Amino acid sequence: MTIHERPGVYSSYDASTVISGSGGSSTVGLVGLVSEGESGKLYTLNRYEDAVTQFGQEENLTKLVQILFRNGAAKVVAVPVSGEEDYQGAFDLLAAEEDISVVVCDSTQLTVQQALRQSVCDASQARRERIAVVGGAQNENVEALVQRAEGLNSERVVLVAPGDDTGLAAAAVAGAIAGESDPAIPLGGAELRGLEGMEARYADTEID
């Protein structure tokens, strides 16, 4: 049980809520590559098995859906893409959707992440409030992460590190954010599930 006391606000919550996705859980928008299947189509997924049926168990997009649900997402609206050129159209589809709180993609290309940033900013300006979660690239060092952050430079974007080329770390954080009942509650101490084997690669002196 964690208790927060801010001026005029006194709240307490059970950390299990963040993990299970019960209570205040919200919807996550997801864009990811698939090797087969229809690209550029919206799929509303209420459970992991729906993703297995639509995309197949071995697709990385299916694994991202599983990670989102394990970490607290209530529902996932997924748009599969077949190549880098399809991401913008997928972001446009999600931008038009209501009731999405967080958007995540599997790409570590800065130009794709910048397109996602612009999409969530435009949607939020149109009163469809949301944020984006993106990841650093595999084995990206601190200097490269700082450059990536400068390239994104938005209060609506969460950059996750250490990253990987599958988007699993970003999906885990997006799921945990979606599972929050109060967006003002920090994520410190939240357990991210499904990331076994990942290791932090930064020394204390590199983290600021």
C-alpha atoms as a PDB file:
ATOM      1  CA  MET A   1       0.000   0.000   0.000  1.00  0.00           C
ATOM      2  CA  THR A   2       1.404   3.376  -1.035  1.00  0.00           C
ATOM      3  CA  ILE A   3       0.147   6.658   0.387  1.00  0.00           C
ATOM      4  CA  HIS A   4       0.602  10.056  -1.297  1.00  0.00           C
ATOM      5  CA  GLU A   5      -0.104  13.385   0.329  1.00  0.00           C
ATOM      6  CA  ARG A   6       0.048  16.439  -1.910  1.00  0.00           C
ATOM      7  CA  PRO A   7      -1.380  19.876  -1.102  1.00  0.00           C
ATOM      8  CA  GLY A   8      -5.124  19.432  -1.145  1.00  0.00           C
ATOM      9  CA  VAL A   9      -4.876  15.816  -2.329  1.00  0.00           C
ATOM     10  CA  TYR A  10      -4.669  12.809  -0.028  1.00  0.00           C
ATOM     11  CA  SER A  11      -4.810   9.415  -1.655  1.00  0.00           C
ATOM     12  CA  SER A  12      -3.733   5.856  -1.138  1.00  0.00           C
ATOM     13  CA  TYR A  13      -3.691   2.914  -3.517  1.00  0.00           C
ATOM     14  CA  ASP A  14      -2.796  -0.734  -3.610  1.00  0.00           C
ATOM     15  CA  ALA A  15       0.111  -1.349  -5.996  1.00  0.00           C
ATOM     16  CA  SER A  16      -1.566  -4.546  -7.222  1.00  0.00           C
ATOM     17  CA  THR A  17      -4.052  -2.338  -9.083  1.00  0.00           C
ATOM     18  CA  VAL A  18      -1.230  -1.038 -11.264  1.00  0.00           C
ATOM     19  CA  ILE A  19      -0.246  -4.553 -12.235  1.00  0.00           C
ATOM     20  CA  SER A  20      -3.596  -6.248 -12.708  1.00  0.00           C
ATOM     21  CA  GLY A  21      -5.254  -3.559 -14.782  1.00  0.00           C
ATOM     22  CA  SER A  22      -8.387  -3.592 -12.611  1.00  0.00           C
ATOM     23  CA  GLY A  23     -10.113  -0.464 -11.448  1.00  0.00           C
ATOM     24  CA  GLY A  24      -8.959   2.506 -13.499  1.00  0.00           C
ATOM     25  CA  SER A  25      -7.449   0.559 -16.400  1.00  0.00           C
ATOM     26  CA  SER A  26      -7.657   2.195 -19.804  1.00  0.00           C
ATOM     27  CA  THR A  27      -7.177   1.404 -23.490  1.00  0.00           C
ATOM     28  CA  VAL A  28      -3.806   1.259 -25.247  1.00  0.00           C
ATOM     29  CA  GLY A  29      -3.296   1.881 -28.949  1.00  0.00           C
ATOM     30  CA  LEU A  30      -0.640  -0.353 -30.511  1.00  0.00           C
ATOM     31  CA  VAL A  31       1.136  -0.303 -33.872  1.00  0.00           C
ATOM     32  CA  GLY A  32       3.528  -3.087 -34.843  1.00  0.00           C
ATOM     33  CA  LEU A  33       4.952  -5.073 -37.719  1.00  0.00           C
ATOM     34  CA  VAL A  34       3.444  -8.378 -38.821  1.00  0.00           C
ATOM     35  CA  SER A  35       4.804 -10.797 -41.389  1.00  0.00           C
ATOM     36  CA  GLU A  36       1.338 -11.850 -42.564  1.00  0.00           C
ATOM     37  CA  GLY A  37      -2.171 -10.489 -42.285  1.00  0.00           C
ATOM     38  CA  GLU A  38      -4.040  -7.369 -43.309  1.00  0.00           C
ATOM     39  CA  SER A  39      -2.039  -4.179 -42.786  1.00  0.00           C
ATOM     40  CA  GLY A  40      -3.616  -0.874 -41.822  1.00  0.00           C
ATOM     41  CA  LYS A  41      -6.756  -2.275 -40.175  1.00  0.00           C
ATOM     42  CA  LEU A  42      -8.001  -1.603 -36.645  1.00  0.00           C
ATOM     43  CA  TYR A  43      -8.401  -4.606 -34.357  1.00  0.00           C
ATOM     44  CA  THR A  44     -10.075  -4.232 -30.964  1.00  0.00           C
ATOM     45  CA  LEU A  45      -8.648  -6.845 -28.602  1.00  0.00           C
ATOM     46  CA  ASN A  46     -10.129  -7.620 -25.200  1.00  0.00           C
ATOM     47  CA  ARG A  47      -7.748 -10.439 -24.301  1.00  0.00           C
ATOM     48  CA  TYR A  48      -4.492 -12.021 -25.391  1.00  0.00           C
ATOM     49  CA  GLU A  49      -6.274 -14.915 -27.124  1.00  0.00           C
ATOM     50  CA  ASP A  50      -7.902 -12.443 -29.523  1.00  0.00           C
ATOM     51  CA  ALA A  51      -4.443 -11.414 -30.730  1.00  0.00           C
ATOM     52  CA  VAL A  52      -3.426 -15.064 -31.190  1.00  0.00           C
ATOM     53  CA  THR A  53      -6.500 -15.605 -33.350  1.00  0.00           C
ATOM     54  CA  GLN A  54      -5.929 -12.508 -35.457  1.00  0.00           C
ATOM     55  CA  PHE A  55      -2.142 -12.464 -35.876  1.00  0.00           C
ATOM     56  CA  GLY A  56      -0.812 -15.853 -34.807  1.00  0.00           C
ATOM     57  CA  GLN A  57       1.046 -16.815 -31.651  1.00  0.00           C
ATOM     58  CA  GLU A  58       4.570 -16.270 -33.001  1.00  0.00           C
ATOM     59  CA  GLU A  59       4.131 -12.697 -34.216  1.00  0.00           C
ATOM     60  CA  ASN A  60       5.893 -10.009 -32.188  1.00  0.00           C
ATOM     61  CA  LEU A  61       2.692  -7.940 -32.282  1.00  0.00           C
ATOM     62  CA  THR A  62       0.916 -10.754 -30.429  1.00  0.00           C
ATOM     63  CA  LYS A  63       3.642 -10.782 -27.784  1.00  0.00           C
ATOM     64  CA  LEU A  64       3.269  -7.020 -27.362  1.00  0.00           C
ATOM     65  CA  VAL A  65      -0.461  -7.457 -26.768  1.00  0.00           C
ATOM     66  CA  GLN A  66       0.288 -10.093 -24.125  1.00  0.00           C
ATOM     67  CA  ILE A  67       2.732  -7.753 -22.359  1.00  0.00           C
ATOM     68  CA  LEU A  68       0.190  -4.917 -22.400  1.00  0.00           C
ATOM     69  CA  PHE A  69      -2.493  -7.050 -20.773  1.00  0.00           C
ATOM     70  CA  ARG A  70      -0.089  -8.556 -18.230  1.00  0.00           C
ATOM     71  CA  ASN A  71       0.907  -5.085 -17.065  1.00  0.00           C
ATOM     72  CA  GLY A  72      -2.545  -3.574 -16.687  1.00  0.00           C
ATOM     73  CA  ALA A  73      -4.149  -2.529 -19.988  1.00  0.00           C
ATOM     74  CA  ALA A  74      -7.921  -3.027 -20.060  1.00  0.00           C
ATOM     75  CA  LYS A  75      -8.216  -3.152 -23.847  1.00  0.00           C
ATOM     76  CA  VAL A  76      -5.868  -2.904 -26.837  1.00  0.00           C
ATOM     77  CA  VAL A  77      -6.657  -1.305 -30.186  1.00  0.00           C
ATOM     78  CA  ALA A  78      -4.010  -2.674 -32.544  1.00  0.00           C
ATOM     79  CA  VAL A  79      -3.054  -1.706 -36.073  1.00  0.00           C
ATOM     80  CA  PRO A  80      -0.650  -4.137 -37.806  1.00  0.00           C
ATOM     81  CA  VAL A  81       1.731  -2.755 -40.440  1.00  0.00           C
ATOM     82  CA  SER A  82       3.861  -4.477 -43.054  1.00  0.00           C
ATOM     83  CA  GLY A  83       6.635  -1.879 -43.361  1.00  0.00           C
ATOM     84  CA  GLU A  84       8.025   1.406 -42.074  1.00  0.00           C
ATOM     85  CA  GLU A  85       6.066   3.331 -44.688  1.00  0.00           C
ATOM     86  CA  ASP A  86       2.781   2.147 -43.112  1.00  0.00           C
ATOM     87  CA  TYR A  87       3.296   3.558 -39.614  1.00  0.00           C
ATOM     88  CA  GLN A  88       1.979   7.031 -40.395  1.00  0.00           C
ATOM     89  CA  GLY A  89      -1.316   5.674 -41.716  1.00  0.00           C
ATOM     90  CA  ALA A  90      -1.654   3.478 -38.620  1.00  0.00           C
ATOM     91  CA  PHE A  91      -1.043   6.448 -36.335  1.00  0.00           C
ATOM     92  CA  ASP A  92      -3.708   8.403 -38.240  1.00  0.00           C
ATOM     93  CA  LEU A  93      -6.218   5.595 -37.635  1.00  0.00           C
ATOM     94  CA  LEU A  94      -5.512   5.577 -33.899  1.00  0.00           C
ATOM     95  CA  ALA A  95      -5.618   9.378 -33.701  1.00  0.00           C
ATOM     96  CA  ALA A  96      -9.257   9.303 -34.802  1.00  0.00           C
ATOM     97  CA  GLU A  97     -10.226   6.810 -32.087  1.00  0.00           C
ATOM     98  CA  GLU A  98     -11.832   7.906 -28.825  1.00  0.00           C
ATOM     99  CA  ASP A  99     -10.937   6.629 -25.342  1.00  0.00           C
ATOM    100  CA  ILE A 100      -7.308   5.714 -26.020  1.00  0.00           C
ATOM    101  CA  SER A 101      -5.035   6.861 -23.212  1.00  0.00           C
ATOM    102  CA  VAL A 102      -1.638   5.526 -24.286  1.00  0.00           C
ATOM    103  CA  VAL A 103      -0.157   4.716 -27.705  1.00  0.00           C
ATOM    104  CA  VAL A 104       2.893   2.495 -28.187  1.00  0.00           C
ATOM    105  CA  CYS A 105       4.733   1.177 -31.245  1.00  0.00           C
ATOM    106  CA  ASP A 106       7.455  -1.400 -31.819  1.00  0.00           C
ATOM    107  CA  SER A 107       9.724   0.785 -33.964  1.00  0.00           C
ATOM    108  CA  THR A 108      12.978   2.277 -32.677  1.00  0.00           C
ATOM    109  CA  GLN A 109      13.400   4.478 -35.769  1.00  0.00           C
ATOM    110  CA  LEU A 110      13.473   8.089 -34.589  1.00  0.00           C
ATOM    111  CA  THR A 111      11.457   9.315 -37.573  1.00  0.00           C
ATOM    112  CA  VAL A 112       8.678   6.833 -36.776  1.00  0.00           C
ATOM    113  CA  GLN A 113       8.717   7.819 -33.102  1.00  0.00           C
ATOM    114  CA  GLN A 114       8.548  11.488 -34.077  1.00  0.00           C
ATOM    115  CA  ALA A 115       5.520  10.718 -36.240  1.00  0.00           C
ATOM    116  CA  LEU A 116       3.901   9.029 -33.230  1.00  0.00           C
ATOM    117  CA  ARG A 117       4.697  12.071 -31.089  1.00  0.00           C
ATOM    118  CA  GLN A 118       3.012  14.365 -33.594  1.00  0.00           C
ATOM    119  CA  SER A 119       0.017  12.052 -33.782  1.00  0.00           C
ATOM    120  CA  VAL A 120      -0.611  12.036 -30.024  1.00  0.00           C
ATOM    121  CA  CYS A 121      -0.096  15.807 -29.854  1.00  0.00           C
ATOM    122  CA  ASP A 122      -2.615  16.401 -32.651  1.00  0.00           C
ATOM    123  CA  ALA A 123      -5.125  13.987 -31.117  1.00  0.00           C
ATOM    124  CA  SER A 124      -4.758  15.620 -27.705  1.00  0.00           C
ATOM    125  CA  GLN A 125      -5.273  19.056 -29.211  1.00  0.00           C
ATOM    126  CA  ALA A 126      -8.517  17.673 -30.666  1.00  0.00           C
ATOM    127  CA  ARG A 127      -9.576  16.700 -27.100  1.00  0.00           C
ATOM    128  CA  ARG A 128      -8.619  13.050 -27.425  1.00  0.00           C
ATOM    129  CA  GLU A 129      -6.008  13.202 -24.669  1.00  0.00           C
ATOM    130  CA  ARG A 130      -3.223  10.596 -24.784  1.00  0.00           C
ATOM    131  CA  ILE A 131       0.502  10.068 -24.441  1.00  0.00           C
ATOM    132  CA  ALA A 132       3.034   7.968 -26.355  1.00  0.00           C
ATOM    133  CA  VAL A 133       5.524   5.411 -25.039  1.00  0.00           C
ATOM    134  CA  VAL A 134       8.587   4.556 -27.130  1.00  0.00           C
ATOM    135  CA  GLY A 135      11.766   2.591 -26.498  1.00  0.00           C
ATOM    136  CA  GLY A 136      15.445   3.054 -27.138  1.00  0.00           C
ATOM    137  CA  ALA A 137      17.242   0.739 -29.520  1.00  0.00           C
ATOM    138  CA  GLN A 138      19.022  -2.456 -28.522  1.00  0.00           C
ATOM    139  CA  ASN A 139      22.283  -1.720 -26.643  1.00  0.00           C
ATOM    140  CA  GLU A 140      21.808   2.034 -27.067  1.00  0.00           C
ATOM    141  CA  ASN A 141      24.227   3.919 -24.811  1.00  0.00           C
ATOM    142  CA  VAL A 142      23.418   6.927 -22.676  1.00  0.00           C
ATOM    143  CA  GLU A 143      24.691   9.466 -25.196  1.00  0.00           C
ATOM    144  CA  ALA A 144      22.508   7.996 -27.937  1.00  0.00           C
ATOM    145  CA  LEU A 145      19.494   7.946 -25.590  1.00  0.00           C
ATOM    146  CA  VAL A 146      19.998  11.618 -24.784  1.00  0.00           C
ATOM    147  CA  GLN A 147      20.103  12.405 -28.510  1.00  0.00           C
ATOM    148  CA  ARG A 148      16.913  10.393 -29.025  1.00  0.00           C
ATOM    149  CA  ALA A 149      15.210  12.255 -26.176  1.00  0.00           C
ATOM    150  CA  GLU A 150      16.253  15.590 -27.678  1.00  0.00           C
ATOM    151  CA  GLY A 151      14.818  14.459 -31.019  1.00  0.00           C
ATOM    152  CA  LEU A 152      11.474  13.684 -29.361  1.00  0.00           C
ATOM    153  CA  ASN A 153      11.412  16.532 -26.806  1.00  0.00           C
ATOM    154  CA  SER A 154       7.777  16.374 -25.724  1.00  0.00           C
ATOM    155  CA  GLU A 155       5.977  16.107 -22.418  1.00  0.00           C
ATOM    156  CA  ARG A 156       3.592  13.687 -24.131  1.00  0.00           C
ATOM    157  CA  VAL A 157       6.292  11.095 -24.870  1.00  0.00           C
ATOM    158  CA  VAL A 158       7.774   8.566 -22.445  1.00  0.00           C
ATOM    159  CA  LEU A 159      11.152   7.172 -23.534  1.00  0.00           C
ATOM    160  CA  VAL A 160      11.940   3.751 -22.035  1.00  0.00           C
ATOM    161  CA  ALA A 161      15.460   2.442 -21.389  1.00  0.00           C
ATOM    162  CA  PRO A 162      17.103   0.004 -21.564  1.00  0.00           C
ATOM    163  CA  GLY A 163      15.393  -0.616 -24.867  1.00  0.00           C
ATOM    164  CA  ASP A 164      15.177  -3.532 -27.237  1.00  0.00           C
ATOM    165  CA  ASP A 165      14.312  -3.981 -30.899  1.00  0.00           C
ATOM    166  CA  THR A 166      11.005  -5.713 -30.162  1.00  0.00           C
ATOM    167  CA  GLY A 167       9.215  -2.957 -28.224  1.00  0.00           C
ATOM    168  CA  LEU A 168       8.506  -5.244 -25.245  1.00  0.00           C
ATOM    169  CA  ALA A 169       9.932  -2.826 -22.655  1.00  0.00           C
ATOM    170  CA  ALA A 170       7.903   0.071 -24.030  1.00  0.00           C
ATOM    171  CA  ALA A 171       4.757  -2.098 -24.058  1.00  0.00           C
ATOM    172  CA  ALA A 172       5.297  -3.108 -20.433  1.00  0.00           C
ATOM    173  CA  VAL A 173       5.535   0.536 -19.355  1.00  0.00           C
ATOM    174  CA  ALA A 174       2.518   1.484 -21.498  1.00  0.00           C
ATOM    175  CA  GLY A 175       0.498  -1.286 -19.843  1.00  0.00           C
ATOM    176  CA  ALA A 176       1.522  -0.123 -16.378  1.00  0.00           C
ATOM    177  CA  ILE A 177       0.554   3.465 -17.204  1.00  0.00           C
ATOM    178  CA  ALA A 178      -2.811   2.284 -18.555  1.00  0.00           C
ATOM    179  CA  GLY A 179      -3.373   0.386 -15.325  1.00  0.00           C
ATOM    180  CA  GLU A 180      -3.063   3.521 -13.193  1.00  0.00           C
ATOM    181  CA  SER A 181      -6.235   4.736 -11.562  1.00  0.00           C
ATOM    182  CA  ASP A 182      -4.700   8.210 -11.144  1.00  0.00           C
ATOM    183  CA  PRO A 183      -2.264   9.589 -13.758  1.00  0.00           C
ATOM    184  CA  ALA A 184      -0.630  11.738 -11.059  1.00  0.00           C
ATOM    185  CA  ILE A 185       0.608   8.654  -9.201  1.00  0.00           C
ATOM    186  CA  PRO A 186       4.244   7.912 -10.080  1.00  0.00           C
ATOM    187  CA  LEU A 187       5.276   4.541 -11.472  1.00  0.00           C
ATOM    188  CA  GLY A 188       8.122   4.131  -8.973  1.00  0.00           C
ATOM    189  CA  GLY A 189       7.997   0.632  -7.515  1.00  0.00           C
ATOM    190  CA  ALA A 190       5.660  -0.806 -10.169  1.00  0.00           C
ATOM    191  CA  GLU A 191       6.586  -4.326 -11.254  1.00  0.00           C
ATOM    192  CA  LEU A 192       6.899  -4.719 -15.018  1.00  0.00           C
ATOM    193  CA  ARG A 193       5.926  -8.228 -16.051  1.00  0.00           C
ATOM    194  CA  GLY A 194       7.102 -10.268 -18.995  1.00  0.00           C
ATOM    195  CA  LEU A 195      10.582  -8.765 -19.248  1.00  0.00           C
ATOM    196  CA  GLU A 196      12.559 -11.631 -17.792  1.00  0.00           C
ATOM    197  CA  GLY A 197      16.192 -11.596 -18.844  1.00  0.00           C
ATOM    198  CA  MET A 198      16.473  -7.872 -19.495  1.00  0.00           C
ATOM    199  CA  GLU A 199      19.262  -6.122 -17.654  1.00  0.00           C
ATOM    200  CA  ALA A 200      19.941  -2.459 -16.971  1.00  0.00           C
ATOM    201  CA  ARG A 201      23.152  -1.485 -18.727  1.00  0.00           C
ATOM    202  CA  TYR A 202      23.754   1.926 -17.212  1.00  0.00           C
ATOM    203  CA  ALA A 203      26.011   2.832 -14.310  1.00  0.00           C
ATOM    204  CA  ASP A 204      24.757   5.067 -11.511  1.00  0.00           C
ATOM    205  CA  THR A 205      26.962   7.874 -12.769  1.00  0.00           C
ATOM    206  CA  GLU A 206      25.245   7.758 -16.173  1.00  0.00           C
ATOM    207  CA  ILE A 207      21.713   8.087 -14.816  1.00  0.00           C
ATOM    208  CA  ASP A 208      20.441  11.597 -14.145  1.00  0.00           C
END
